[in-house]
């Protein structure tokens, strides 16, 4: 019983933290890379470039 408590207290949070750090974040299927690039370029072209 005590071993189970230690696993819950230490191993479970460490496993969740490692999974959160190492798990790759995927691109949503409705937002391909080309669409994101076009949107960023469109936003950049709307704003003047210079030191303000």
N, C-alpha and C. Protein backbone atom coordinates (compact mmCIF):
# COMPACT_ATOMS: atom_id res chain seq x y z
N UNK A 1 0.83 -1.20 0.00
CA UNK A 1 0.00 0.00 0.00
C UNK A 1 0.87 1.26 0.00
N UNK A 2 1.94 1.21 0.77
CA UNK A 2 2.82 2.37 0.85
C UNK A 2 3.53 2.61 -0.48
N UNK A 3 3.91 1.53 -1.16
CA UNK A 3 4.55 1.65 -2.47
C UNK A 3 3.61 2.32 -3.46
N UNK A 4 2.35 1.94 -3.44
CA UNK A 4 1.36 2.55 -4.33
C UNK A 4 1.25 4.05 -4.08
N UNK A 5 1.29 4.45 -2.83
CA UNK A 5 1.22 5.87 -2.47
C UNK A 5 2.42 6.63 -3.03
N UNK A 6 3.62 6.06 -2.90
CA UNK A 6 4.81 6.72 -3.44
C UNK A 6 4.76 6.82 -4.96
N UNK A 7 4.24 5.80 -5.61
CA UNK A 7 4.10 5.84 -7.07
C UNK A 7 3.15 6.95 -7.46
N UNK A 8 2.05 7.07 -6.77
CA UNK A 8 1.07 8.12 -7.08
C UNK A 8 1.66 9.50 -6.80
N UNK A 9 2.38 9.64 -5.71
CA UNK A 9 2.90 10.94 -5.31
C UNK A 9 4.05 11.40 -6.21
N UNK A 10 4.94 10.50 -6.61
CA UNK A 10 6.13 10.91 -7.36
C UNK A 10 6.12 10.48 -8.83
N UNK A 11 5.90 9.23 -9.09
CA UNK A 11 6.04 8.72 -10.45
C UNK A 11 4.97 9.27 -11.38
N UNK A 12 3.76 9.36 -10.93
CA UNK A 12 2.68 9.85 -11.79
C UNK A 12 2.89 11.30 -12.22
N UNK A 13 3.18 12.24 -11.32
CA UNK A 13 3.44 13.61 -11.78
C UNK A 13 4.66 13.72 -12.69
N UNK A 14 5.71 12.95 -12.42
CA UNK A 14 6.89 12.98 -13.27
C UNK A 14 6.55 12.45 -14.66
N UNK A 15 5.78 11.38 -14.73
CA UNK A 15 5.38 10.82 -16.02
C UNK A 15 4.53 11.80 -16.80
N UNK A 16 3.64 12.49 -16.15
CA UNK A 16 2.80 13.50 -16.82
C UNK A 16 3.66 14.65 -17.32
N UNK A 17 4.62 15.10 -16.54
CA UNK A 17 5.47 16.20 -16.94
C UNK A 17 6.34 15.80 -18.14
N UNK A 18 6.91 14.62 -18.11
CA UNK A 18 7.73 14.16 -19.23
C UNK A 18 6.88 14.03 -20.49
N UNK A 19 5.69 13.49 -20.37
CA UNK A 19 4.81 13.35 -21.53
C UNK A 19 4.42 14.72 -22.09
N UNK A 20 4.16 15.69 -21.22
CA UNK A 20 3.78 17.03 -21.68
C UNK A 20 4.94 17.72 -22.39
N UNK A 21 6.15 17.48 -21.96
CA UNK A 21 7.31 18.12 -22.59
C UNK A 21 7.66 17.44 -23.91
N UNK A 22 7.60 16.13 -23.95
CA UNK A 22 8.08 15.39 -25.12
C UNK A 22 7.01 15.11 -26.17
N UNK A 23 5.73 15.22 -25.82
CA UNK A 23 4.67 14.88 -26.77
C UNK A 23 4.62 15.94 -27.87
N UNK A 24 4.73 15.55 -29.12
CA UNK A 24 4.71 16.54 -30.21
C UNK A 24 3.33 17.13 -30.41
N UNK A 25 3.30 18.42 -30.71
CA UNK A 25 2.04 19.10 -30.98
C UNK A 25 1.80 19.07 -32.48
N UNK A 26 0.73 18.48 -32.89
CA UNK A 26 0.43 18.35 -34.31
C UNK A 26 -0.29 19.57 -34.86
N UNK A 27 -0.20 19.72 -36.16
CA UNK A 27 -0.93 20.78 -36.85
C UNK A 27 -2.34 20.29 -37.08
N UNK A 28 -3.36 21.06 -36.72
CA UNK A 28 -4.73 20.62 -36.94
C UNK A 28 -4.97 20.35 -38.43
N UNK A 29 -5.78 19.36 -38.77
CA UNK A 29 -5.98 19.00 -40.17
C UNK A 29 -6.61 20.11 -41.00
N UNK A 30 -7.38 21.00 -40.37
CA UNK A 30 -8.00 22.07 -41.13
C UNK A 30 -7.10 23.30 -41.25
N UNK A 31 -5.87 23.23 -40.76
CA UNK A 31 -4.94 24.36 -40.84
C UNK A 31 -3.59 23.89 -41.33
N UNK A 32 -3.46 23.62 -42.61
CA UNK A 32 -2.17 23.17 -43.13
C UNK A 32 -1.13 24.29 -43.07
N UNK A 33 0.11 23.90 -43.21
CA UNK A 33 1.23 24.84 -43.09
C UNK A 33 1.11 25.96 -44.12
N UNK A 34 0.69 25.62 -45.34
CA UNK A 34 0.58 26.64 -46.38
C UNK A 34 -0.45 27.71 -46.00
N UNK A 35 -1.56 27.30 -45.41
CA UNK A 35 -2.60 28.26 -45.01
C UNK A 35 -2.08 29.18 -43.91
N UNK A 36 -1.36 28.62 -42.95
CA UNK A 36 -0.79 29.45 -41.88
C UNK A 36 0.22 30.43 -42.45
N UNK A 37 1.06 29.97 -43.39
CA UNK A 37 2.05 30.84 -44.01
C UNK A 37 1.36 31.98 -44.76
N UNK A 38 0.30 31.67 -45.50
CA UNK A 38 -0.42 32.72 -46.24
C UNK A 38 -1.03 33.75 -45.29
N UNK A 39 -1.57 33.28 -44.18
CA UNK A 39 -2.18 34.20 -43.23
C UNK A 39 -1.14 35.12 -42.61
N UNK A 40 0.02 34.56 -42.24
CA UNK A 40 1.09 35.37 -41.64
C UNK A 40 1.59 36.39 -42.65
N UNK A 41 1.80 35.98 -43.89
CA UNK A 41 2.26 36.92 -44.92
C UNK A 41 1.22 38.01 -45.18
N UNK A 42 -0.06 37.66 -45.14
CA UNK A 42 -1.11 38.66 -45.33
C UNK A 42 -1.12 39.66 -44.18
N UNK A 43 -0.93 39.17 -42.96
CA UNK A 43 -0.89 40.08 -41.81
C UNK A 43 0.33 41.00 -41.88
N UNK A 44 1.46 40.47 -42.32
CA UNK A 44 2.67 41.29 -42.41
C UNK A 44 2.54 42.34 -43.51
N UNK A 45 1.86 42.04 -44.59
CA UNK A 45 1.73 42.99 -45.69
C UNK A 45 0.76 44.11 -45.34
N UNK A 46 -0.12 43.91 -44.35
CA UNK A 46 -1.08 44.95 -43.97
C UNK A 46 -0.44 46.01 -43.08
N UNK A 47 0.64 45.66 -42.43
CA UNK A 47 1.27 46.59 -41.49
C UNK A 47 2.51 47.20 -42.13
N UNK A 48 2.67 48.53 -42.00
CA UNK A 48 3.87 49.15 -42.55
C UNK A 48 5.14 48.67 -41.83
N UNK A 49 6.20 48.59 -42.55
CA UNK A 49 7.46 48.14 -42.00
C UNK A 49 8.32 49.35 -41.69
N UNK A 50 8.93 49.37 -40.50
CA UNK A 50 9.79 50.48 -40.14
C UNK A 50 9.94 50.57 -38.64
N UNK A 51 10.72 51.52 -38.20
CA UNK A 51 10.93 51.74 -36.76
C UNK A 51 9.89 52.72 -36.26
N UNK A 52 9.04 52.26 -35.37
CA UNK A 52 8.02 53.15 -34.82
C UNK A 52 8.16 53.25 -33.34
